[in-house]
């Protein structure tokens, strides 16, 4: 823990050290969250009800009588949309994995922002030490 200095010229760096320690502690807490994530994948799971294309079929005239549900995982790869058919049993697994992906992405964004803040504080501390 940082010591409090009586000199007015030393108050600011001590406050920066305390702030740096708080940011570093928060960074470690967030990083532990990465360990708690399960399997993940990018994309969205869609539930589709389809028309079969036969003019005599009830699905052609009544939206409530469409065929399905059919499940798909859709995601972008190399600028193109990819659709992967999923079984009804696999759909919940992939839905949970896509939620994990969004959670992980959010966590990484928060870690990145906090890391930039910590690096800025460390650079300021290095500059102040160099000047003394």
N, C-alpha and C. Protein backbone atom coordinates (compact mmCIF):
# COMPACT_ATOMS: atom_id res chain seq x y z
N UNK A 1 0.83 -1.17 0.00
CA UNK A 1 0.00 0.00 0.00
C UNK A 1 0.88 1.24 0.00
N UNK A 2 0.45 2.30 -0.62
CA UNK A 2 1.21 3.54 -0.70
C UNK A 2 1.17 4.29 0.61
N UNK A 3 2.26 5.00 0.90
CA UNK A 3 2.32 5.82 2.11
C UNK A 3 1.85 7.21 1.77
N UNK A 4 1.22 7.87 2.76
CA UNK A 4 0.77 9.24 2.57
C UNK A 4 1.91 10.17 2.92
N UNK A 5 2.19 11.09 2.05
CA UNK A 5 3.28 12.02 2.25
C UNK A 5 2.74 13.37 2.71
N UNK A 6 3.48 14.07 3.60
CA UNK A 6 3.06 15.36 4.12
C UNK A 6 3.33 16.47 3.12
N UNK A 7 4.37 16.34 2.37
CA UNK A 7 4.75 17.36 1.40
C UNK A 7 3.70 17.47 0.30
N UNK A 8 3.33 18.73 -0.03
CA UNK A 8 2.31 18.95 -1.05
C UNK A 8 2.76 18.45 -2.42
N UNK A 9 4.04 18.51 -2.69
CA UNK A 9 4.54 18.06 -3.99
C UNK A 9 4.43 16.54 -4.14
N UNK A 10 4.34 15.83 -3.03
CA UNK A 10 4.28 14.36 -3.08
C UNK A 10 2.85 13.82 -3.02
N UNK A 11 1.85 14.65 -2.76
CA UNK A 11 0.48 14.16 -2.60
C UNK A 11 -0.04 13.56 -3.90
N UNK A 12 0.20 14.20 -5.00
CA UNK A 12 -0.34 13.75 -6.27
C UNK A 12 0.19 12.38 -6.70
N UNK A 13 1.50 12.14 -6.66
CA UNK A 13 1.98 10.81 -7.04
C UNK A 13 1.46 9.71 -6.12
N UNK A 14 1.29 10.01 -4.83
CA UNK A 14 0.76 9.01 -3.90
C UNK A 14 -0.67 8.67 -4.30
N UNK A 15 -1.48 9.68 -4.65
CA UNK A 15 -2.85 9.44 -5.08
C UNK A 15 -2.86 8.61 -6.36
N UNK A 16 -1.94 8.89 -7.27
CA UNK A 16 -1.85 8.12 -8.50
C UNK A 16 -1.51 6.66 -8.20
N UNK A 17 -0.61 6.43 -7.22
CA UNK A 17 -0.27 5.06 -6.85
C UNK A 17 -1.48 4.32 -6.30
N UNK A 18 -2.27 4.99 -5.46
CA UNK A 18 -3.47 4.38 -4.90
C UNK A 18 -4.46 4.07 -6.02
N UNK A 19 -4.60 4.99 -6.95
CA UNK A 19 -5.49 4.78 -8.09
C UNK A 19 -4.99 3.62 -8.94
N UNK A 20 -3.71 3.56 -9.16
CA UNK A 20 -3.11 2.49 -9.93
C UNK A 20 -3.36 1.14 -9.26
N UNK A 21 -3.23 1.10 -7.96
CA UNK A 21 -3.46 -0.14 -7.22
C UNK A 21 -4.92 -0.58 -7.34
N UNK A 22 -5.86 0.37 -7.27
CA UNK A 22 -7.28 0.04 -7.43
C UNK A 22 -7.55 -0.52 -8.83
N UNK A 23 -6.97 0.14 -9.84
CA UNK A 23 -7.15 -0.33 -11.22
C UNK A 23 -6.54 -1.72 -11.40
N UNK A 24 -5.36 -1.94 -10.85
CA UNK A 24 -4.69 -3.23 -10.97
C UNK A 24 -5.51 -4.33 -10.28
N UNK A 25 -6.08 -4.00 -9.13
CA UNK A 25 -6.92 -4.97 -8.41
C UNK A 25 -8.15 -5.32 -9.24
N UNK A 26 -8.78 -4.32 -9.83
CA UNK A 26 -9.96 -4.54 -10.67
C UNK A 26 -9.59 -5.38 -11.90
N UNK A 27 -8.42 -5.12 -12.47
CA UNK A 27 -7.95 -5.88 -13.63
C UNK A 27 -7.83 -7.37 -13.27
N UNK A 28 -7.25 -7.66 -12.10
CA UNK A 28 -7.10 -9.05 -11.67
C UNK A 28 -8.45 -9.72 -11.44
N UNK A 29 -9.41 -8.97 -10.88
CA UNK A 29 -10.75 -9.51 -10.67
C UNK A 29 -11.41 -9.86 -12.00
N UNK A 30 -11.30 -8.94 -12.96
CA UNK A 30 -11.89 -9.19 -14.28
C UNK A 30 -11.20 -10.36 -14.98
N UNK A 31 -9.89 -10.45 -14.84
CA UNK A 31 -9.14 -11.53 -15.48
C UNK A 31 -9.56 -12.89 -14.94
N UNK A 32 -9.89 -12.93 -13.66
CA UNK A 32 -10.38 -14.19 -13.08
C UNK A 32 -11.69 -14.62 -13.74
N UNK A 33 -12.45 -13.64 -14.22
CA UNK A 33 -13.70 -13.94 -14.91
C UNK A 33 -13.49 -14.72 -16.19
N UNK A 34 -12.32 -14.57 -16.81
CA UNK A 34 -12.01 -15.34 -18.02
C UNK A 34 -11.95 -16.84 -17.72
N UNK A 35 -11.48 -17.18 -16.53
CA UNK A 35 -11.36 -18.58 -16.15
C UNK A 35 -12.71 -19.23 -15.93
N UNK A 36 -13.74 -18.42 -15.67
CA UNK A 36 -15.06 -18.94 -15.37
C UNK A 36 -15.89 -19.19 -16.63
N UNK A 37 -15.39 -18.78 -17.79
CA UNK A 37 -16.13 -18.98 -19.03
C UNK A 37 -16.04 -20.43 -19.48
N UNK A 38 -17.10 -20.87 -20.13
CA UNK A 38 -17.18 -22.22 -20.66
C UNK A 38 -16.88 -22.18 -22.16
N UNK A 39 -17.19 -23.22 -22.87
CA UNK A 39 -16.98 -23.24 -24.32
C UNK A 39 -17.78 -22.11 -24.95
N UNK A 40 -17.25 -21.54 -26.02
CA UNK A 40 -17.91 -20.41 -26.65
C UNK A 40 -17.74 -20.47 -28.16
N UNK A 41 -18.66 -19.82 -28.85
CA UNK A 41 -18.53 -19.68 -30.30
C UNK A 41 -19.24 -18.41 -30.74
N UNK A 42 -18.75 -17.87 -31.83
CA UNK A 42 -19.27 -16.65 -32.40
C UNK A 42 -20.54 -16.97 -33.18
N UNK A 43 -21.53 -16.07 -33.14
CA UNK A 43 -22.71 -16.25 -33.96
C UNK A 43 -24.00 -16.09 -33.20
N UNK A 44 -25.08 -16.45 -33.89
CA UNK A 44 -26.43 -16.37 -33.34
C UNK A 44 -27.17 -17.64 -33.73
N UNK A 45 -27.93 -18.18 -32.79
CA UNK A 45 -28.76 -19.35 -33.09
C UNK A 45 -30.15 -18.84 -33.47
N UNK A 46 -30.59 -19.25 -34.65
CA UNK A 46 -31.90 -18.84 -35.16
C UNK A 46 -32.85 -20.03 -35.16
N UNK A 47 -34.12 -19.72 -34.88
CA UNK A 47 -35.19 -20.72 -34.97
C UNK A 47 -36.04 -20.30 -36.16
N UNK A 48 -36.13 -21.14 -37.15
CA UNK A 48 -36.86 -20.79 -38.38
C UNK A 48 -38.06 -21.71 -38.59
N UNK A 49 -39.11 -21.10 -39.10
CA UNK A 49 -40.31 -21.82 -39.54
C UNK A 49 -40.38 -21.58 -41.04
N UNK A 50 -40.43 -22.64 -41.84
CA UNK A 50 -40.26 -22.52 -43.29
C UNK A 50 -41.50 -22.94 -44.08
N UNK A 51 -41.58 -22.35 -45.28
CA UNK A 51 -42.54 -22.80 -46.29
C UNK A 51 -41.85 -23.90 -47.09
N UNK A 52 -42.62 -24.88 -47.49
CA UNK A 52 -42.01 -25.98 -48.25
C UNK A 52 -41.99 -25.71 -49.75
N UNK A 53 -42.81 -24.80 -50.21
CA UNK A 53 -42.82 -24.47 -51.64
C UNK A 53 -43.93 -25.14 -52.42
N UNK A 54 -44.66 -26.06 -51.82
CA UNK A 54 -45.78 -26.71 -52.49
C UNK A 54 -47.02 -25.81 -52.40
N UNK A 55 -47.61 -25.51 -53.51
CA UNK A 55 -48.77 -24.60 -53.54
C UNK A 55 -49.96 -25.15 -52.76
N UNK A 56 -50.12 -26.47 -52.71
CA UNK A 56 -51.28 -27.06 -52.03
C UNK A 56 -51.09 -27.18 -50.52
N UNK A 57 -49.87 -27.04 -50.03
CA UNK A 57 -49.57 -27.20 -48.60
C UNK A 57 -50.15 -26.04 -47.80
N UNK A 58 -50.58 -26.32 -46.60
CA UNK A 58 -51.15 -25.30 -45.72
C UNK A 58 -50.15 -24.20 -45.38
N UNK A 59 -48.86 -24.52 -45.41
CA UNK A 59 -47.84 -23.52 -45.06
C UNK A 59 -47.78 -22.37 -46.07
N UNK A 60 -48.26 -22.61 -47.27
CA UNK A 60 -48.22 -21.58 -48.32
C UNK A 60 -49.18 -20.43 -48.01
N UNK A 61 -50.29 -20.72 -47.36
CA UNK A 61 -51.30 -19.68 -47.11
C UNK A 61 -51.43 -19.30 -45.64
N UNK A 62 -50.93 -20.11 -44.71
CA UNK A 62 -51.11 -19.85 -43.28
C UNK A 62 -49.74 -19.87 -42.58
N UNK A 63 -49.33 -18.71 -42.11
CA UNK A 63 -48.01 -18.59 -41.46
C UNK A 63 -47.91 -19.44 -40.19
N UNK A 64 -49.03 -19.71 -39.55
CA UNK A 64 -48.99 -20.51 -38.31
C UNK A 64 -48.79 -22.00 -38.60
N UNK A 65 -48.91 -22.41 -39.86
CA UNK A 65 -48.77 -23.82 -40.23
C UNK A 65 -47.48 -24.11 -40.99
N UNK A 66 -46.50 -23.26 -40.81
CA UNK A 66 -45.22 -23.48 -41.48
C UNK A 66 -44.49 -24.66 -40.85
N UNK A 67 -43.55 -25.20 -41.58
CA UNK A 67 -42.79 -26.38 -41.13
C UNK A 67 -41.65 -25.96 -40.21
N UNK A 68 -41.37 -26.80 -39.24
CA UNK A 68 -40.26 -26.51 -38.34
C UNK A 68 -40.66 -26.74 -36.90
N UNK A 69 -39.92 -26.27 -35.97
CA UNK A 69 -38.81 -25.33 -36.13
C UNK A 69 -37.52 -26.01 -36.60
N UNK A 70 -36.77 -25.25 -37.39
CA UNK A 70 -35.44 -25.63 -37.83
C UNK A 70 -34.46 -24.65 -37.20
N UNK A 71 -33.33 -25.17 -36.72
CA UNK A 71 -32.36 -24.32 -36.03
C UNK A 71 -31.10 -24.16 -36.88
N UNK A 72 -30.54 -22.95 -36.83
CA UNK A 72 -29.31 -22.65 -37.56
C UNK A 72 -28.40 -21.78 -36.68
N UNK A 73 -27.13 -22.03 -36.81
CA UNK A 73 -26.12 -21.13 -36.25
C UNK A 73 -25.66 -20.27 -37.41
N UNK A 74 -25.72 -18.97 -37.27
CA UNK A 74 -25.28 -18.07 -38.33
C UNK A 74 -24.19 -17.16 -37.79
N UNK A 75 -23.14 -16.99 -38.59
CA UNK A 75 -22.02 -16.12 -38.21
C UNK A 75 -21.30 -15.64 -39.46
N UNK A 76 -20.44 -14.65 -39.30
CA UNK A 76 -19.66 -14.11 -40.41
C UNK A 76 -18.25 -14.71 -40.37
N UNK A 77 -17.77 -15.09 -41.55
CA UNK A 77 -16.39 -15.58 -41.69
C UNK A 77 -15.86 -15.04 -43.01
N UNK A 78 -14.76 -14.32 -42.95
CA UNK A 78 -14.14 -13.72 -44.13
C UNK A 78 -15.13 -12.87 -44.92
N UNK A 79 -15.95 -12.12 -44.20
CA UNK A 79 -16.90 -11.21 -44.83
C UNK A 79 -18.14 -11.88 -45.40
N UNK A 80 -18.30 -13.16 -45.19
CA UNK A 80 -19.47 -13.88 -45.70
C UNK A 80 -20.26 -14.49 -44.56
N UNK A 81 -21.58 -14.53 -44.73
CA UNK A 81 -22.44 -15.15 -43.72
C UNK A 81 -22.42 -16.66 -43.90
N UNK A 82 -22.22 -17.35 -42.80
CA UNK A 82 -22.19 -18.82 -42.80
C UNK A 82 -23.38 -19.29 -41.98
N UNK A 83 -24.14 -20.23 -42.52
CA UNK A 83 -25.27 -20.84 -41.80
C UNK A 83 -24.98 -22.31 -41.61
N UNK A 84 -25.11 -22.79 -40.38
CA UNK A 84 -24.88 -24.19 -40.06
C UNK A 84 -26.16 -24.74 -39.46
N UNK A 85 -26.70 -25.79 -40.08
CA UNK A 85 -27.92 -26.40 -39.55
C UNK A 85 -27.61 -27.12 -38.25
N UNK A 86 -28.52 -26.98 -37.29
CA UNK A 86 -28.35 -27.60 -35.98
C UNK A 86 -29.54 -28.50 -35.68
N UNK A 87 -29.29 -29.56 -34.96
CA UNK A 87 -30.40 -30.41 -34.51
C UNK A 87 -31.09 -29.70 -33.34
N UNK A 88 -32.34 -30.06 -33.06
CA UNK A 88 -33.02 -29.45 -31.91
C UNK A 88 -32.27 -29.68 -30.59
N UNK A 89 -31.52 -30.78 -30.51
CA UNK A 89 -30.76 -31.08 -29.28
C UNK A 89 -29.51 -30.21 -29.19
N UNK A 90 -28.91 -29.89 -30.33
CA UNK A 90 -27.69 -29.10 -30.33
C UNK A 90 -27.95 -27.60 -30.17
N UNK A 91 -29.13 -27.15 -30.56
CA UNK A 91 -29.44 -25.71 -30.53
C UNK A 91 -29.21 -25.07 -29.16
N UNK A 92 -29.68 -25.66 -28.05
CA UNK A 92 -29.43 -25.03 -26.75
C UNK A 92 -27.95 -24.95 -26.39
N UNK A 93 -27.17 -25.95 -26.80
CA UNK A 93 -25.72 -25.93 -26.53
C UNK A 93 -25.06 -24.76 -27.25
N UNK A 94 -25.42 -24.59 -28.52
CA UNK A 94 -24.84 -23.49 -29.29
C UNK A 94 -25.36 -22.13 -28.83
N UNK A 95 -26.61 -22.08 -28.41
CA UNK A 95 -27.15 -20.82 -27.89
C UNK A 95 -26.37 -20.40 -26.64
N UNK A 96 -26.10 -21.34 -25.75
CA UNK A 96 -25.31 -21.04 -24.55
C UNK A 96 -23.88 -20.63 -24.93
N UNK A 97 -23.32 -21.28 -25.94
CA UNK A 97 -21.95 -20.96 -26.38
C UNK A 97 -21.88 -19.56 -26.99
N UNK A 98 -22.92 -19.15 -27.73
CA UNK A 98 -22.91 -17.80 -28.30
C UNK A 98 -23.08 -16.75 -27.21
N UNK A 99 -23.83 -17.07 -26.17
CA UNK A 99 -23.94 -16.15 -25.03
C UNK A 99 -22.60 -16.03 -24.31
N UNK A 100 -21.89 -17.14 -24.17
CA UNK A 100 -20.56 -17.12 -23.56
C UNK A 100 -19.61 -16.26 -24.38
N UNK A 101 -19.72 -16.35 -25.70
CA UNK A 101 -18.86 -15.55 -26.59
C UNK A 101 -19.10 -14.06 -26.34
N UNK A 102 -20.37 -13.66 -26.26
CA UNK A 102 -20.67 -12.25 -26.02
C UNK A 102 -20.18 -11.80 -24.65
N UNK A 103 -20.31 -12.68 -23.68
CA UNK A 103 -19.81 -12.38 -22.33
C UNK A 103 -18.29 -12.20 -22.35
N UNK A 104 -17.60 -13.12 -23.04
CA UNK A 104 -16.15 -13.06 -23.13
C UNK A 104 -15.70 -11.79 -23.88
N UNK A 105 -16.39 -11.46 -24.95
CA UNK A 105 -16.05 -10.28 -25.74
C UNK A 105 -16.21 -9.01 -24.89
N UNK A 106 -17.29 -8.94 -24.12
CA UNK A 106 -17.52 -7.80 -23.23
C UNK A 106 -16.43 -7.71 -22.18
N UNK A 107 -16.07 -8.85 -21.61
CA UNK A 107 -15.03 -8.90 -20.59
C UNK A 107 -13.69 -8.46 -21.16
N UNK A 108 -13.35 -8.91 -22.36
CA UNK A 108 -12.09 -8.50 -22.99
C UNK A 108 -12.07 -7.00 -23.29
N UNK A 109 -13.20 -6.45 -23.69
CA UNK A 109 -13.28 -5.01 -23.92
C UNK A 109 -13.03 -4.24 -22.63
N UNK A 110 -13.63 -4.70 -21.53
CA UNK A 110 -13.41 -4.05 -20.24
C UNK A 110 -11.95 -4.18 -19.79
N UNK A 111 -11.37 -5.36 -20.00
CA UNK A 111 -9.96 -5.56 -19.65
C UNK A 111 -9.05 -4.65 -20.48
N UNK A 112 -9.37 -4.51 -21.75
CA UNK A 112 -8.58 -3.65 -22.64
C UNK A 112 -8.61 -2.20 -22.17
N UNK A 113 -9.80 -1.69 -21.86
CA UNK A 113 -9.93 -0.30 -21.41
C UNK A 113 -9.19 -0.08 -20.09
N UNK A 114 -9.33 -1.03 -19.18
CA UNK A 114 -8.65 -0.93 -17.89
C UNK A 114 -7.13 -1.03 -18.07
N UNK A 115 -6.69 -1.88 -18.97
CA UNK A 115 -5.26 -2.02 -19.24
C UNK A 115 -4.69 -0.71 -19.79
N UNK A 116 -5.42 -0.05 -20.67
CA UNK A 116 -4.96 1.24 -21.20
C UNK A 116 -4.84 2.27 -20.07
N UNK A 117 -5.80 2.28 -19.15
CA UNK A 117 -5.75 3.20 -18.02
C UNK A 117 -4.54 2.92 -17.14
N UNK A 118 -4.31 1.65 -16.86
CA UNK A 118 -3.16 1.26 -16.02
C UNK A 118 -1.85 1.65 -16.69
N UNK A 119 -1.74 1.39 -17.98
CA UNK A 119 -0.52 1.75 -18.70
C UNK A 119 -0.29 3.25 -18.69
N UNK A 120 -1.36 4.04 -18.82
CA UNK A 120 -1.22 5.50 -18.77
C UNK A 120 -0.72 5.94 -17.39
N UNK A 121 -1.27 5.34 -16.32
CA UNK A 121 -0.81 5.66 -14.96
C UNK A 121 0.65 5.25 -14.76
N UNK A 122 1.02 4.07 -15.25
CA UNK A 122 2.40 3.61 -15.10
C UNK A 122 3.36 4.52 -15.86
N UNK A 123 2.95 4.96 -17.03
CA UNK A 123 3.79 5.88 -17.81
C UNK A 123 3.97 7.21 -17.09
N UNK A 124 2.90 7.72 -16.48
CA UNK A 124 2.99 8.97 -15.72
C UNK A 124 3.91 8.80 -14.52
N UNK A 125 3.81 7.67 -13.84
CA UNK A 125 4.69 7.41 -12.70
C UNK A 125 6.15 7.33 -13.15
N UNK A 126 6.39 6.66 -14.26
CA UNK A 126 7.76 6.54 -14.78
C UNK A 126 8.31 7.91 -15.14
N UNK A 127 7.48 8.76 -15.74
CA UNK A 127 7.90 10.12 -16.09
C UNK A 127 8.22 10.94 -14.86
N UNK A 128 7.36 10.82 -13.82
CA UNK A 128 7.59 11.61 -12.60
C UNK A 128 8.86 11.14 -11.87
N UNK A 129 9.14 9.83 -11.89
CA UNK A 129 10.36 9.32 -11.27
C UNK A 129 11.59 9.77 -12.04
N UNK A 130 11.48 9.83 -13.35
CA UNK A 130 12.60 10.25 -14.19
C UNK A 130 12.95 11.72 -13.95
N UNK A 131 11.93 12.54 -13.67
CA UNK A 131 12.14 13.96 -13.46
C UNK A 131 12.75 14.28 -12.09
N UNK A 132 12.62 13.35 -11.15
CA UNK A 132 13.17 13.60 -9.79
C UNK A 132 14.54 13.11 -9.65
